[in-house]
Amino acid sequence: MYNMPGLWNAADQMFPIVAEDLETCSNEAEYRSLVPCDSDIFYLCCHILRRDGLEPAADANTGVNLFIHLKTAIMAML
């Protein structure tokens, strides 16, 4: 029903994405920092990535594996 509302005699309620709206949102957004979390943890994780020859995750499965690796490495430091 979501993908083909016409089959259910329903109206398509999706609004098209307008490039001007995207540009306006991007221009008005306030980016406070490029660091997505606590800066100490961020830089520690970056160090572990470099030390272990790893790259940032490109997909969800790689992200889970990377999270487990980082968590294990940080917990070993405690």
Protein backbone atom coordinates (compact mmCIF):
# COMPACT_ATOMS: atom_id res chain seq x y z
CA MET A 1 0.00 0.00 0.00
CA TYR A 2 2.89 2.36 0.74
CA ASN A 3 4.67 1.79 -2.57
CA MET A 4 1.58 1.50 -4.81
CA PRO A 5 -1.33 3.40 -3.25
CA GLY A 6 -3.31 3.29 -6.50
CA LEU A 7 -3.85 -0.45 -6.11
CA TRP A 8 -5.71 0.28 -2.88
CA ASN A 9 -7.73 3.27 -4.18
CA ALA A 10 -5.61 5.52 -1.98
CA ALA A 11 -3.97 8.82 -2.83
CA ASP A 12 -0.20 9.16 -3.03
CA GLN A 13 0.65 11.45 -0.10
CA MET A 14 4.38 11.66 -0.78
CA PHE A 15 5.79 15.08 -1.60
CA PRO A 16 8.55 15.33 -4.19
CA ILE A 17 11.94 16.49 -2.95
CA VAL A 18 12.77 19.87 -4.45
CA ALA A 19 16.43 20.79 -4.91
CA GLU A 20 15.74 24.33 -3.69
CA ASP A 21 14.34 22.97 -0.41
CA LEU A 22 17.42 20.81 0.10
CA GLU A 23 19.70 23.77 -0.55
CA THR A 24 17.73 25.96 1.86
CA CYS A 25 17.92 23.32 4.60
CA SER A 26 21.64 22.86 4.03
CA ASN A 27 22.28 26.61 4.15
CA GLU A 28 20.25 27.09 7.33
CA ALA A 29 21.62 24.08 9.20
CA GLU A 30 23.97 24.83 12.04
CA TYR A 31 26.94 22.49 12.09
CA ARG A 32 28.51 22.80 15.49
CA SER A 33 31.40 20.39 14.99
CA LEU A 34 32.76 17.78 12.63
CA VAL A 35 33.25 15.48 15.62
CA PRO A 36 30.06 13.41 16.05
CA CYS A 37 30.57 12.57 19.75
CA ASP A 38 32.80 13.35 22.73
CA SER A 39 36.06 14.61 21.24
CA ASP A 40 38.28 12.46 23.51
CA ILE A 41 36.47 9.27 22.47
CA PHE A 42 36.49 10.33 18.82
CA TYR A 43 40.25 10.91 18.77
CA LEU A 44 40.88 7.69 20.70
CA CYS A 45 38.84 5.72 18.15
CA CYS A 46 40.70 7.44 15.28
CA HIS A 47 44.00 6.42 16.91
CA ILE A 48 42.84 2.80 17.24
CA LEU A 49 41.74 2.79 13.59
CA ARG A 50 45.17 4.03 12.46
CA ARG A 51 47.03 1.70 14.82
CA ASP A 52 45.11 -1.35 13.61
CA GLY A 53 45.07 -0.36 9.93
CA LEU A 54 41.28 -0.08 9.75
CA GLU A 55 39.03 2.20 7.72
CA PRO A 56 35.70 3.81 8.69
CA ALA A 57 32.75 1.54 8.03
CA ALA A 58 31.20 1.59 4.56
CA ASP A 59 28.04 -0.37 5.44
CA ALA A 60 26.01 -1.53 8.43
CA ASN A 61 27.68 -4.94 8.81
CA THR A 62 31.16 -3.44 8.70
CA GLY A 63 29.98 -0.81 11.18
CA VAL A 64 28.88 -3.45 13.67
CA ASN A 65 32.20 -5.28 13.37
CA LEU A 66 34.11 -2.01 13.74
CA PHE A 67 32.07 -1.07 16.82
CA ILE A 68 32.87 -4.42 18.44
CA HIS A 69 36.56 -3.98 17.61
CA LEU A 70 36.68 -0.45 19.04
CA LYS A 71 34.73 -1.41 22.16
CA THR A 72 37.05 -4.36 22.80
CA ALA A 73 40.14 -2.19 22.30
CA ILE A 74 38.87 0.55 24.62
CA MET A 75 37.79 -1.92 27.33
CA ALA A 76 41.26 -3.50 27.22
CA MET A 77 42.73 -0.10 28.16
CA LEU A 78 40.74 0.15 31.39
